[in-house]
Structures are given as C-alpha cells and as structure tokens.
Protein backbone atom coordinates (compact mmCIF):
# COMPACT_ATOMS: atom_id res chain seq x y z
CA UNK A 1 0.00 0.00 0.00
CA UNK A 2 1.51 3.39 -0.96
CA UNK A 3 2.25 5.88 1.78
CA UNK A 4 -0.33 8.57 2.30
CA UNK A 5 1.16 11.83 0.97
CA UNK A 6 1.93 14.67 3.38
CA UNK A 7 -0.39 17.60 2.66
CA UNK A 8 1.14 20.77 1.23
CA UNK A 9 -1.26 23.02 3.17
CA UNK A 10 -2.48 22.79 6.77
CA UNK A 11 -5.11 25.21 8.04
CA UNK A 12 -4.27 27.57 5.21
CA UNK A 13 -0.52 27.53 5.94
CA UNK A 14 2.25 25.98 3.83
CA UNK A 15 3.75 22.79 5.26
CA UNK A 16 7.53 23.18 5.25
CA UNK A 17 10.77 21.32 5.97
CA UNK A 18 13.23 22.10 8.74
CA UNK A 19 15.56 23.63 6.14
CA UNK A 20 12.89 26.12 5.10
CA UNK A 21 12.38 27.01 8.77
CA UNK A 22 16.10 27.65 9.21
CA UNK A 23 16.02 29.99 6.21
CA UNK A 24 12.92 31.67 7.61
CA UNK A 25 14.71 32.41 10.89
CA UNK A 26 17.82 33.64 9.09
CA UNK A 27 16.00 35.92 6.66
CA UNK A 28 13.67 37.28 9.35
CA UNK A 29 16.81 38.62 11.00
CA UNK A 30 18.77 39.63 7.89
CA UNK A 31 16.01 41.17 5.76
CA UNK A 32 13.43 42.26 8.33
CA UNK A 33 15.58 43.00 11.39
CA UNK A 34 13.55 40.69 13.63
CA UNK A 35 15.93 39.48 16.35
CA UNK A 36 16.02 35.81 17.28
CA UNK A 37 15.38 36.92 20.87
CA UNK A 38 12.09 38.49 19.81
CA UNK A 39 10.95 35.32 18.03
CA UNK A 40 11.87 33.22 21.07
CA UNK A 41 10.05 35.56 23.45
CA UNK A 42 6.93 35.50 21.29
CA UNK A 43 7.07 31.72 20.91
CA UNK A 44 7.27 31.20 24.66
CA UNK A 45 4.55 33.73 25.41
CA UNK A 46 2.17 32.27 22.84
CA UNK A 47 2.84 28.74 24.08
CA UNK A 48 2.15 29.78 27.68
CA UNK A 49 -1.10 31.45 26.67
CA UNK A 50 -2.26 28.36 24.79
CA UNK A 51 -1.33 25.99 27.63
CA UNK A 52 -2.87 28.22 30.30
CA UNK A 53 -6.11 28.41 28.32
CA UNK A 54 -6.52 24.62 28.55
CA UNK A 55 -5.51 24.09 32.18
CA UNK A 56 -7.04 24.78 35.57
CA UNK A 57 -4.81 25.92 38.40
CA UNK A 58 -4.27 23.03 40.83
CA UNK A 59 -5.15 23.36 44.50
CA UNK A 60 -2.19 24.78 46.48
CA UNK A 61 -2.40 21.73 48.73
CA UNK A 62 -2.19 19.27 45.84
CA UNK A 63 1.58 19.49 45.60
CA UNK A 64 1.38 19.30 41.83
CA UNK A 65 2.96 21.54 39.24
CA UNK A 66 4.05 21.99 35.66
CA UNK A 67 7.46 20.52 34.86
CA UNK A 68 9.22 22.11 31.89
CA UNK A 69 11.99 19.93 30.45
CA UNK A 70 14.50 21.94 28.43
CA UNK A 71 17.34 21.04 26.13
CA UNK A 72 20.46 23.13 25.63
CA UNK A 73 19.45 24.78 22.35
CA UNK A 74 16.80 27.13 21.04
CA UNK A 75 13.94 24.76 21.86
CA UNK A 76 15.12 24.83 25.47
CA UNK A 77 15.13 28.62 25.31
CA UNK A 78 11.50 28.55 24.15
CA UNK A 79 10.72 26.36 27.15
CA UNK A 80 12.37 28.78 29.57
CA UNK A 81 10.28 31.66 28.23
CA UNK A 82 7.15 29.51 28.45
CA UNK A 83 7.94 28.68 32.09
CA UNK A 84 8.39 32.36 32.94
CA UNK A 85 5.02 33.34 31.48
CA UNK A 86 3.22 30.42 33.12
CA UNK A 87 4.70 31.51 36.46
CA UNK A 88 3.35 35.02 35.84
CA UNK A 89 -0.08 33.50 35.28
CA UNK A 90 0.03 31.84 38.71
CA UNK A 91 0.91 28.27 37.77
CA UNK A 92 3.38 26.33 39.94
CA UNK A 93 6.27 25.71 37.55
CA UNK A 94 9.71 24.13 37.76
CA UNK A 95 12.37 23.72 35.08
CA UNK A 96 14.75 20.84 34.46
CA UNK A 97 17.43 21.67 31.91
CA UNK A 98 20.03 19.49 30.26
CA UNK A 99 23.41 20.39 31.82
CA UNK A 100 25.86 22.33 29.67
CA UNK A 101 29.39 21.05 29.14
CA UNK A 102 32.62 23.00 29.22
CA UNK A 103 33.15 22.25 25.53
CA UNK A 104 29.50 22.94 24.66
CA UNK A 105 28.07 25.79 26.77
CA UNK A 106 24.55 27.15 26.54
CA UNK A 107 23.98 29.60 23.66
CA UNK A 108 23.67 33.25 24.62
CA UNK A 109 19.88 33.34 24.23
CA UNK A 110 19.46 30.33 26.50
CA UNK A 111 21.72 31.91 29.13
CA UNK A 112 19.74 35.15 28.98
CA UNK A 113 16.46 33.33 29.48
CA UNK A 114 17.92 31.21 32.28
CA UNK A 115 18.67 34.44 34.12
CA UNK A 116 15.16 35.77 33.45
CA UNK A 117 13.34 32.63 34.53
CA UNK A 118 15.34 32.43 37.76
CA UNK A 119 14.68 36.13 38.42
CA UNK A 120 10.96 35.38 37.99
CA UNK A 121 11.18 32.89 40.87
CA UNK A 122 10.99 29.67 38.88
CA UNK A 123 13.08 26.84 40.41
CA UNK A 124 15.64 25.60 37.87
CA UNK A 125 17.46 22.28 38.21
CA UNK A 126 20.00 20.47 36.11
CA UNK A 127 18.35 17.33 34.85
CA UNK A 128 19.42 13.98 36.22
CA UNK A 129 17.54 10.72 36.38
CA UNK A 130 16.44 10.65 40.02
CA UNK A 131 15.41 14.25 40.64
CA UNK A 132 13.60 14.57 37.32
CA UNK A 133 11.73 11.30 37.83
CA UNK A 134 10.61 12.39 41.31
CA UNK A 135 9.37 15.75 40.05
CA UNK A 136 7.59 14.16 37.10
CA UNK A 137 5.79 11.76 39.42
CA UNK A 138 3.99 14.67 41.10
CA UNK A 139 3.48 16.81 37.99
CA UNK A 140 0.03 17.38 36.57
CA UNK A 141 1.42 18.29 33.15
CA UNK A 142 4.82 18.23 31.41
CA UNK A 143 6.18 20.59 28.76
CA UNK A 144 8.64 19.05 26.31
CA UNK A 145 11.18 21.67 25.17
CA UNK A 146 14.12 19.31 24.74
CA UNK A 147 14.71 18.94 21.00
CA UNK A 148 13.45 21.17 18.20
CA UNK A 149 13.45 21.11 14.42
CA UNK A 150 17.25 21.45 14.26
CA UNK A 151 17.69 18.01 15.80
CA UNK A 152 18.45 14.91 13.75
CA UNK A 153 19.38 11.34 14.61
CA UNK A 154 19.07 9.22 17.73
CA UNK A 155 18.91 11.08 21.08
CA UNK A 156 21.90 10.24 23.28
CA UNK A 157 23.05 10.62 26.88
CA UNK A 158 21.09 12.86 29.23
CA UNK A 159 18.78 13.95 26.41
CA UNK A 160 17.73 10.34 25.88
CA UNK A 161 17.36 9.89 29.64
CA UNK A 162 15.09 12.94 29.90
CA UNK A 163 12.89 11.72 27.06
CA UNK A 164 12.62 8.26 28.58
CA UNK A 165 11.80 9.70 32.03
CA UNK A 166 8.93 11.68 30.52
CA UNK A 167 7.67 8.62 28.67
CA UNK A 168 7.73 6.52 31.87
CA UNK A 169 5.90 9.20 33.88
CA UNK A 170 2.81 8.87 31.67
CA UNK A 171 1.69 12.43 32.32
CA UNK A 172 -0.01 14.72 29.76
CA UNK A 173 2.66 16.37 27.61
CA UNK A 174 2.66 19.59 25.62
CA UNK A 175 5.45 19.51 23.04
CA UNK A 176 6.97 22.80 21.88
CA UNK A 177 7.53 22.96 18.12
CA UNK A 178 7.87 19.18 17.70
CA UNK A 179 7.81 16.16 20.04
CA UNK A 180 11.41 15.42 21.00
CA UNK A 181 12.85 12.47 19.13
CA UNK A 182 10.49 12.81 16.15
CA UNK A 183 12.19 13.73 12.89
CA UNK A 184 10.82 17.12 11.80
CA UNK A 185 10.89 16.18 8.12
CA UNK A 186 9.79 12.53 8.08
CA UNK A 187 7.81 12.08 11.30
CA UNK A 188 9.74 8.90 12.14
CA UNK A 189 11.66 8.24 15.38
CA UNK A 190 14.75 6.24 16.25
CA UNK A 191 13.64 4.73 19.55
CA UNK A 192 13.58 7.50 22.20
CA UNK A 193 10.72 9.91 21.60
CA UNK A 194 7.87 11.87 23.17
CA UNK A 195 4.19 11.16 22.64
CA UNK A 196 2.36 14.45 23.18
CA UNK A 197 -1.22 15.29 24.01
CA UNK A 198 -0.74 18.49 22.04
CA UNK A 199 2.05 19.88 19.89
CA UNK A 200 2.42 23.66 19.70
CA UNK A 201 4.50 24.32 16.62
CA UNK A 202 5.90 27.74 15.85
CA UNK A 203 5.35 29.77 12.69
CA UNK A 204 4.50 27.06 10.17
CA UNK A 205 3.55 23.36 10.27
CA UNK A 206 6.45 20.99 9.60
CA UNK A 207 6.24 18.05 7.21
CA UNK A 208 6.99 15.44 9.87
CA UNK A 209 4.09 16.62 12.02
CA UNK A 210 1.63 15.99 9.20
CA UNK A 211 2.87 12.49 8.33
CA UNK A 212 0.09 9.99 8.96
CA UNK A 213 2.31 7.67 10.99
CA UNK A 214 3.33 10.55 13.31
CA UNK A 215 -0.16 11.50 14.43
CA UNK A 216 -0.02 9.21 17.48
CA UNK A 217 3.03 11.15 18.75
CA UNK A 218 1.93 14.65 17.73
CA UNK A 219 -1.54 14.57 19.29
CA UNK A 220 -3.53 17.74 18.69
CA UNK A 221 -1.56 20.08 16.45
CA UNK A 222 -1.75 23.85 16.85
CA UNK A 223 0.31 26.32 14.85
CA UNK A 224 1.25 29.49 16.75
CA UNK A 225 1.89 32.72 14.86
CA UNK A 226 5.10 34.17 16.30
CA UNK A 227 5.48 37.11 13.94
CA UNK A 228 7.16 35.99 10.73
CA UNK A 229 6.45 38.54 7.96
CA UNK A 230 3.71 37.17 5.64
CA UNK A 231 5.66 38.16 2.53
CA UNK A 232 8.67 36.18 3.73
CA UNK A 233 6.51 33.15 4.47
CA UNK A 234 5.03 33.38 0.99
CA UNK A 235 8.47 33.62 -0.61
CA UNK A 236 9.97 30.67 1.24
CA UNK A 237 6.94 28.42 0.99
CA UNK A 238 7.64 28.12 -2.73
CA UNK A 239 10.94 26.32 -2.04
C-alpha cells in the first residue's frame, strides 16, 4: 500500500521542511531586522497562553505543578520563556534543563532566558535521572522543550534519559515545536521519543508533524503565529 502523501497546506498555511524554517529564521533577522530573541520571546509567550487556556490551576495543597523539560538549544530557550510566562499566570512551575558542558556551553539566548526565569522565581534544576523522575511523578502536566526542528538522529546521553523519564511518567505532555525524538521532516523516530497530548508548533507546520504515521506522537496540532512577515513566508513556501 503506498504511503499517504503529506499535505502541502495545513489550516491555510504551507507545510515546510526544517531547512525552510532555518532559512525563515535567518532571513527574518537579515532582511526584516527581527531578532532571534524576539521570536523566542513571542514563541514562549504564545505557548504559555495556549497551555494556560486549557488548564485549571491546581489546589495549592495538591503538591502538583508543571514541569518544563529543556534542552540546551533554542527549543530549550523557548521552554524557559514559556515557564516564565506560566509563572506570571500563577501556575506552579519548575524547570529541568540538560546540563551544559565545558566544551559545549549554553547559547547566549538560553543563558539570557535562564537568568530571566530564575529572576521570575521559577526553580531551575540540572536534569538527572532521580530528581527529574521524582518531580515528574507529582506533575500534573509536562512541557517538552528538549529537541526542536534542528535536531536529527538518535537522542543520546542525558537527552535520551530525559525523554525516557517523561515517557515513563505517563503524564499529559505539551510539546513545543515538535515532540522530542520525532524527525521534523519525516515524522519517524529512532527509539527514544515523546508522545504528546498536544504539539504547539511555531510559525509554520512541519512536514513530519503531518505524516500519517506521526499523528499518534503529535496529538492535537496547533500552529502558533510568532510574527514571521507574511511576505517572507510566501516567498519561502515556494521552495
């Protein structure tokens, strides 16, 4: 039986590859002077608004909270912004972030948003198996901000451990941009992956999210407008 083709349009928007999204980010900065920091801030704010609109604040005595799991790259930065805005809305939030290494430090935007989320009073922990698992056990919802559309291949090390801890916790998951471990272009996975209740993807829908076989991992799909110029979207969607 032939594979079901991936649609070219989703909710009136062009369905694009990860390469087109990279060009979109680059040209938004180069041609339209939209800083990456602005796109990240908008992405996190929009994600927090969408998540908050679907949740009810837990009882203060319930001991439950939102656990935001962040990688070291831009997707992790989106998660940090999301955590900050959810905290402002009154939700109990904590962040677990993949530790940086001396030879691979956090990018500048991630460092900036780490400072901001801590200043907002959100507890931030370096992810390890035991502490993350314990926090996930008492969470009422998890936000997956570990791997974004720039990620390819099999998750390794602490990233794999974080993904597996979320999977074992069996809590409702909101994935930011794409469920971690799912290929943004094909929708396939290589063993360690997130199954989300809802995926909040930024700017435009990605081909992998619309693949028929990926629907069980993507869950409900919502595209969030984070401010890409319409003329730029139109230009790049022809690629």
